[in-house]
Structures are given as structure tokens and as C-alpha cells.
């Protein structure tokens, strides 16, 4: 399993890494023990306990990131994911990172 991070291209490398960490924490907030999707929660904790691999990708402009978020925000998406927005005060509420945990069957050929 891997956690893929889609980062805003206008941030520096270090900022993209920090935003990836923020989005990763959003995963754990979103898929807390009370979350109804137990499979996604189990996959997230399995990744965190046994894999921990992160892949940080350039997602391009904000519009491209919004398209990724729109694609993931579907009832048909079985994978744990979360988006992180910076505060309104810091960056005008900009979407800076999206985290998505995927099983090996998705990225392995």
C-alpha cells in the first residue's frame, strides 16, 4: 500500500512536504473510529502500521486539484482520501494537498 499526495505546484518543495503531512493527518481525522466506512478505515490503519510509503506528486494548478478532489469525492471510491486546505488567513483557504491511500493492486503492473 502507498499513500499518494497530490500537491499544489505553486508551493516550494518543503511546503509541499509539510502540506502532505497536513493532508495525511486529515486522513486520520476523517477516518476516525466512528467513521461508517470501516473498510477504508482499516485500509488506512493497515497502511500506517505496515507500509508507511508516501509518494508526493505535482498535481498542477488549483483547478486540476479540484478536479482530482471531485473524482475522489464519489460513493464509488472505496479508498481512503482527504483534502487539506490552508487557513483563510494564511493562503485564502487554498487547497494545497490531497492524500489517497491505494492498495498494491492499483499501482502494480
N, C-alpha and C. Protein backbone atom coordinates (compact mmCIF):
# COMPACT_ATOMS: atom_id res chain seq x y z
N UNK A 1 0.84 -1.18 0.00
CA UNK A 1 0.00 0.00 0.00
C UNK A 1 0.88 1.24 0.00
N UNK A 2 0.33 2.29 -0.60
CA UNK A 2 1.04 3.57 -0.65
C UNK A 2 0.05 4.70 -0.40
N UNK A 3 0.57 5.79 0.14
CA UNK A 3 -0.22 7.00 0.28
C UNK A 3 0.29 7.99 -0.75
N UNK A 4 -0.55 8.29 -1.72
CA UNK A 4 -0.20 9.26 -2.76
C UNK A 4 -0.66 10.63 -2.32
N UNK A 5 0.19 11.62 -2.55
CA UNK A 5 -0.13 13.01 -2.22
C UNK A 5 -0.08 13.83 -3.49
N UNK A 6 -1.15 14.56 -3.74
CA UNK A 6 -1.24 15.45 -4.89
C UNK A 6 -1.10 16.87 -4.37
N UNK A 7 0.03 17.51 -4.72
CA UNK A 7 0.34 18.83 -4.17
C UNK A 7 0.22 19.95 -5.18
N UNK A 8 -0.12 21.12 -4.67
CA UNK A 8 -0.23 22.33 -5.49
C UNK A 8 1.15 22.72 -6.00
N UNK A 9 1.26 22.91 -7.31
CA UNK A 9 2.56 23.16 -7.93
C UNK A 9 3.20 24.50 -7.55
N UNK A 10 2.43 25.42 -7.00
CA UNK A 10 2.98 26.73 -6.68
C UNK A 10 3.68 26.78 -5.33
N UNK A 11 3.68 25.68 -4.60
CA UNK A 11 4.38 25.65 -3.32
C UNK A 11 5.80 25.14 -3.51
N UNK A 12 6.70 25.58 -2.66
CA UNK A 12 8.08 25.09 -2.71
C UNK A 12 8.11 23.62 -2.29
N UNK A 13 9.23 22.98 -2.51
CA UNK A 13 9.36 21.56 -2.16
C UNK A 13 9.09 21.32 -0.67
N UNK A 14 9.67 22.13 0.19
CA UNK A 14 9.47 21.93 1.62
C UNK A 14 8.01 22.20 2.00
N UNK A 15 7.41 23.20 1.38
CA UNK A 15 6.00 23.48 1.66
C UNK A 15 5.11 22.33 1.20
N UNK A 16 5.44 21.73 0.06
CA UNK A 16 4.66 20.60 -0.42
C UNK A 16 4.75 19.43 0.55
N UNK A 17 5.93 19.20 1.11
CA UNK A 17 6.09 18.13 2.09
C UNK A 17 5.29 18.39 3.36
N UNK A 18 5.30 19.62 3.81
CA UNK A 18 4.54 19.98 5.01
C UNK A 18 3.05 19.84 4.75
N UNK A 19 2.59 20.27 3.58
CA UNK A 19 1.17 20.17 3.25
C UNK A 19 0.75 18.70 3.12
N UNK A 20 1.66 17.85 2.63
CA UNK A 20 1.37 16.41 2.56
C UNK A 20 1.15 15.84 3.97
N UNK A 21 1.96 16.29 4.91
CA UNK A 21 1.78 15.84 6.30
C UNK A 21 0.44 16.31 6.85
N UNK A 22 0.06 17.54 6.51
CA UNK A 22 -1.25 18.04 6.96
C UNK A 22 -2.38 17.18 6.38
N UNK A 23 -2.30 16.88 5.10
CA UNK A 23 -3.35 16.07 4.46
C UNK A 23 -3.39 14.66 5.05
N UNK A 24 -2.23 14.14 5.38
CA UNK A 24 -2.17 12.81 5.98
C UNK A 24 -2.87 12.80 7.34
N UNK A 25 -2.68 13.86 8.10
CA UNK A 25 -3.37 13.95 9.39
C UNK A 25 -4.88 14.07 9.17
N UNK A 26 -5.28 14.77 8.11
CA UNK A 26 -6.71 14.87 7.79
C UNK A 26 -7.31 13.48 7.54
N UNK A 27 -6.52 12.58 6.96
CA UNK A 27 -7.00 11.21 6.76
C UNK A 27 -7.42 10.58 8.08
N UNK A 28 -6.58 10.73 9.09
CA UNK A 28 -6.86 10.11 10.39
C UNK A 28 -8.00 10.81 11.13
N UNK A 29 -8.15 12.09 10.89
CA UNK A 29 -9.29 12.81 11.47
C UNK A 29 -10.57 12.35 10.79
N UNK A 30 -10.53 12.26 9.46
CA UNK A 30 -11.72 11.85 8.69
C UNK A 30 -12.13 10.41 8.99
N UNK A 31 -11.16 9.50 8.98
CA UNK A 31 -11.45 8.06 9.18
C UNK A 31 -11.20 7.66 10.63
N UNK A 32 -11.83 8.41 11.53
CA UNK A 32 -11.71 8.13 12.96
C UNK A 32 -12.51 6.87 13.29
N UNK A 33 -12.41 6.37 14.51
CA UNK A 33 -13.13 5.12 14.86
C UNK A 33 -14.63 5.17 14.65
N UNK A 34 -15.23 6.35 14.57
CA UNK A 34 -16.67 6.46 14.36
C UNK A 34 -17.07 6.56 12.88
N UNK A 35 -16.08 6.59 11.98
CA UNK A 35 -16.40 6.71 10.56
C UNK A 35 -17.13 5.46 10.08
N UNK A 36 -18.20 5.63 9.30
CA UNK A 36 -19.01 4.47 8.90
C UNK A 36 -18.33 3.54 7.89
N UNK A 37 -17.33 4.03 7.15
CA UNK A 37 -16.67 3.18 6.15
C UNK A 37 -15.53 2.41 6.81
N UNK A 38 -15.87 1.27 7.38
CA UNK A 38 -14.87 0.50 8.13
C UNK A 38 -13.77 -0.04 7.23
N UNK A 39 -14.07 -0.40 5.99
CA UNK A 39 -13.05 -0.94 5.07
C UNK A 39 -11.99 0.13 4.79
N UNK A 40 -12.42 1.34 4.46
CA UNK A 40 -11.47 2.43 4.20
C UNK A 40 -10.63 2.71 5.44
N UNK A 41 -11.27 2.73 6.61
CA UNK A 41 -10.53 2.98 7.86
C UNK A 41 -9.52 1.88 8.11
N UNK A 42 -9.92 0.62 7.91
CA UNK A 42 -8.99 -0.50 8.10
C UNK A 42 -7.82 -0.41 7.13
N UNK A 43 -8.09 -0.03 5.88
CA UNK A 43 -7.01 0.12 4.89
C UNK A 43 -6.04 1.21 5.30
N UNK A 44 -6.56 2.33 5.80
CA UNK A 44 -5.71 3.44 6.24
C UNK A 44 -4.80 2.99 7.38
N UNK A 45 -5.36 2.32 8.37
CA UNK A 45 -4.55 1.89 9.52
C UNK A 45 -3.59 0.76 9.14
N UNK A 46 -3.99 -0.08 8.20
CA UNK A 46 -3.07 -1.10 7.70
C UNK A 46 -1.88 -0.44 7.02
N UNK A 47 -2.13 0.56 6.18
CA UNK A 47 -1.04 1.30 5.53
C UNK A 47 -0.14 1.93 6.60
N UNK A 48 -0.74 2.59 7.58
CA UNK A 48 0.04 3.30 8.60
C UNK A 48 0.86 2.36 9.46
N UNK A 49 0.34 1.19 9.75
CA UNK A 49 1.05 0.24 10.60
C UNK A 49 2.10 -0.57 9.85
N UNK A 50 1.80 -0.94 8.60
CA UNK A 50 2.65 -1.91 7.91
C UNK A 50 3.38 -1.41 6.67
N UNK A 51 3.07 -0.22 6.19
CA UNK A 51 3.69 0.22 4.93
C UNK A 51 4.37 1.58 5.05
N UNK A 52 3.62 2.62 5.27
CA UNK A 52 4.14 3.98 5.51
C UNK A 52 4.77 4.66 4.29
N UNK A 53 4.70 4.07 3.11
CA UNK A 53 5.29 4.69 1.92
C UNK A 53 4.43 5.84 1.45
N UNK A 54 5.08 7.00 1.22
CA UNK A 54 4.41 8.19 0.71
C UNK A 54 5.01 8.54 -0.65
N UNK A 55 4.16 8.88 -1.59
CA UNK A 55 4.57 9.33 -2.92
C UNK A 55 3.99 10.73 -3.10
N UNK A 56 4.85 11.72 -3.25
CA UNK A 56 4.40 13.10 -3.42
C UNK A 56 4.47 13.47 -4.89
N UNK A 57 3.33 13.88 -5.44
CA UNK A 57 3.21 14.20 -6.86
C UNK A 57 2.82 15.66 -7.05
N UNK A 58 3.22 16.21 -8.19
CA UNK A 58 2.82 17.55 -8.58
C UNK A 58 1.45 17.44 -9.22
N UNK A 59 0.44 18.07 -8.60
CA UNK A 59 -0.93 17.99 -9.12
C UNK A 59 -1.28 19.17 -10.01
N UNK A 60 -0.36 20.10 -10.17
CA UNK A 60 -0.63 21.23 -11.05
C UNK A 60 -1.36 22.35 -10.36
N UNK A 61 -2.20 23.02 -11.15
CA UNK A 61 -2.95 24.19 -10.69
C UNK A 61 -4.06 23.80 -9.72
N UNK A 62 -4.62 24.80 -9.07
CA UNK A 62 -5.75 24.59 -8.17
C UNK A 62 -6.92 23.94 -8.91
N UNK A 63 -7.17 24.34 -10.15
CA UNK A 63 -8.29 23.76 -10.90
C UNK A 63 -8.09 22.27 -11.13
N UNK A 64 -6.85 21.85 -11.37
CA UNK A 64 -6.57 20.43 -11.54
C UNK A 64 -6.74 19.68 -10.22
N UNK A 65 -6.35 20.31 -9.13
CA UNK A 65 -6.53 19.69 -7.82
C UNK A 65 -8.01 19.55 -7.49
N UNK A 66 -8.79 20.56 -7.84
CA UNK A 66 -10.24 20.48 -7.61
C UNK A 66 -10.85 19.34 -8.43
N UNK A 67 -10.33 19.11 -9.63
CA UNK A 67 -10.82 18.00 -10.46
C UNK A 67 -10.48 16.66 -9.82
N UNK A 68 -9.28 16.53 -9.27
CA UNK A 68 -8.89 15.30 -8.57
C UNK A 68 -9.81 15.08 -7.37
N UNK A 69 -10.03 16.13 -6.60
CA UNK A 69 -10.92 16.03 -5.43
C UNK A 69 -12.32 15.63 -5.86
N UNK A 70 -12.82 16.21 -6.94
CA UNK A 70 -14.14 15.86 -7.44
C UNK A 70 -14.24 14.41 -7.85
N UNK A 71 -13.17 13.90 -8.46
CA UNK A 71 -13.13 12.49 -8.88
C UNK A 71 -13.15 11.57 -7.66
N UNK A 72 -12.39 11.92 -6.63
CA UNK A 72 -12.30 11.07 -5.43
C UNK A 72 -13.55 11.15 -4.55
N UNK A 73 -14.24 12.28 -4.63
CA UNK A 73 -15.41 12.50 -3.78
C UNK A 73 -16.64 11.85 -4.40
N UNK A 74 -16.61 10.54 -4.48
CA UNK A 74 -17.67 9.75 -5.11
C UNK A 74 -18.01 8.56 -4.23
N UNK A 75 -19.26 8.17 -4.24
CA UNK A 75 -19.67 6.98 -3.50
C UNK A 75 -18.98 5.72 -4.04
N UNK A 76 -18.53 5.78 -5.29
CA UNK A 76 -17.89 4.63 -5.91
C UNK A 76 -16.42 4.48 -5.53
N UNK A 77 -15.85 5.49 -4.87
CA UNK A 77 -14.45 5.44 -4.47
C UNK A 77 -14.32 4.69 -3.14
N UNK A 78 -13.71 3.50 -3.16
CA UNK A 78 -13.58 2.72 -1.92
C UNK A 78 -12.33 3.05 -1.10
N UNK A 79 -11.49 3.95 -1.60
CA UNK A 79 -10.18 4.18 -0.99
C UNK A 79 -10.21 5.39 -0.06
N UNK A 80 -9.48 5.31 1.06
CA UNK A 80 -9.42 6.45 1.97
C UNK A 80 -8.68 7.63 1.33
N UNK A 81 -9.26 8.80 1.47
CA UNK A 81 -8.65 10.01 0.93
C UNK A 81 -9.10 11.21 1.76
N UNK A 82 -8.33 12.27 1.69
CA UNK A 82 -8.69 13.51 2.37
C UNK A 82 -7.99 14.68 1.68
N UNK A 83 -8.61 15.82 1.76
CA UNK A 83 -8.04 17.05 1.20
C UNK A 83 -7.67 17.98 2.34
N UNK A 84 -6.61 18.76 2.11
CA UNK A 84 -6.21 19.75 3.11
C UNK A 84 -6.24 21.13 2.49
N UNK A 85 -6.92 22.04 3.17
CA UNK A 85 -6.99 23.44 2.78
C UNK A 85 -6.24 24.27 3.80
N UNK A 86 -5.40 25.17 3.34
CA UNK A 86 -4.75 26.10 4.26
C UNK A 86 -5.81 27.04 4.81
N UNK A 87 -5.48 27.69 5.90
CA UNK A 87 -6.45 28.61 6.52
C UNK A 87 -6.73 29.80 5.61
N UNK A 88 -7.86 30.40 5.83
CA UNK A 88 -8.24 31.60 5.08
C UNK A 88 -7.22 32.71 5.31
N UNK A 89 -6.74 32.82 6.56
CA UNK A 89 -5.78 33.88 6.91
C UNK A 89 -4.43 33.67 6.22
N UNK A 90 -4.00 32.43 6.10
CA UNK A 90 -2.66 32.15 5.57
C UNK A 90 -2.61 32.18 4.04
N UNK A 91 -3.54 31.47 3.41
CA UNK A 91 -3.47 31.35 1.94
C UNK A 91 -4.84 31.45 1.29
N UNK A 92 -5.75 32.13 1.93
CA UNK A 92 -7.06 32.33 1.34
C UNK A 92 -7.87 31.06 1.21
N UNK A 93 -7.59 30.06 2.06
CA UNK A 93 -8.34 28.81 2.03
C UNK A 93 -7.97 27.91 0.86
N UNK A 94 -6.76 28.04 0.35
CA UNK A 94 -6.31 27.29 -0.83
C UNK A 94 -6.19 25.79 -0.56
N UNK A 95 -6.68 24.98 -1.50
CA UNK A 95 -6.46 23.54 -1.47
C UNK A 95 -4.99 23.29 -1.77
N UNK A 96 -4.25 22.74 -0.82
CA UNK A 96 -2.81 22.57 -1.00
C UNK A 96 -2.38 21.13 -1.20
N UNK A 97 -3.18 20.16 -0.72
CA UNK A 97 -2.77 18.77 -0.85
C UNK A 97 -3.97 17.84 -0.72
N UNK A 98 -3.90 16.74 -1.46
CA UNK A 98 -4.89 15.67 -1.37
C UNK A 98 -4.12 14.38 -1.12
N UNK A 99 -4.54 13.62 -0.11
CA UNK A 99 -3.90 12.35 0.22
C UNK A 99 -4.85 11.21 -0.14
N UNK A 100 -4.29 10.14 -0.70
CA UNK A 100 -5.07 8.99 -1.13
C UNK A 100 -4.27 7.71 -0.86
N UNK A 101 -4.85 6.77 -0.12
CA UNK A 101 -4.19 5.51 0.16
C UNK A 101 -4.71 4.46 -0.83
N UNK A 102 -3.77 3.82 -1.54
CA UNK A 102 -4.13 2.84 -2.56
C UNK A 102 -3.45 1.49 -2.28
N UNK A 103 -4.17 0.40 -2.56
CA UNK A 103 -3.57 -0.92 -2.43
C UNK A 103 -2.64 -1.21 -3.60
N UNK A 104 -1.77 -2.15 -3.43
CA UNK A 104 -0.79 -2.51 -4.47
C UNK A 104 -1.45 -2.91 -5.79
N UNK A 105 -2.64 -3.49 -5.73
CA UNK A 105 -3.32 -3.93 -6.95
C UNK A 105 -3.62 -2.78 -7.90
N UNK A 106 -3.68 -1.55 -7.39
CA UNK A 106 -3.98 -0.39 -8.23
C UNK A 106 -2.73 0.11 -8.96
N UNK A 107 -1.59 0.14 -8.29
CA UNK A 107 -0.39 0.74 -8.90
C UNK A 107 0.62 -0.29 -9.41
N UNK A 108 0.42 -1.56 -9.12
CA UNK A 108 1.35 -2.60 -9.55
C UNK A 108 0.91 -3.15 -10.91
N UNK A 109 1.89 -3.37 -11.76
CA UNK A 109 1.57 -3.95 -13.08
C UNK A 109 2.30 -5.26 -13.27
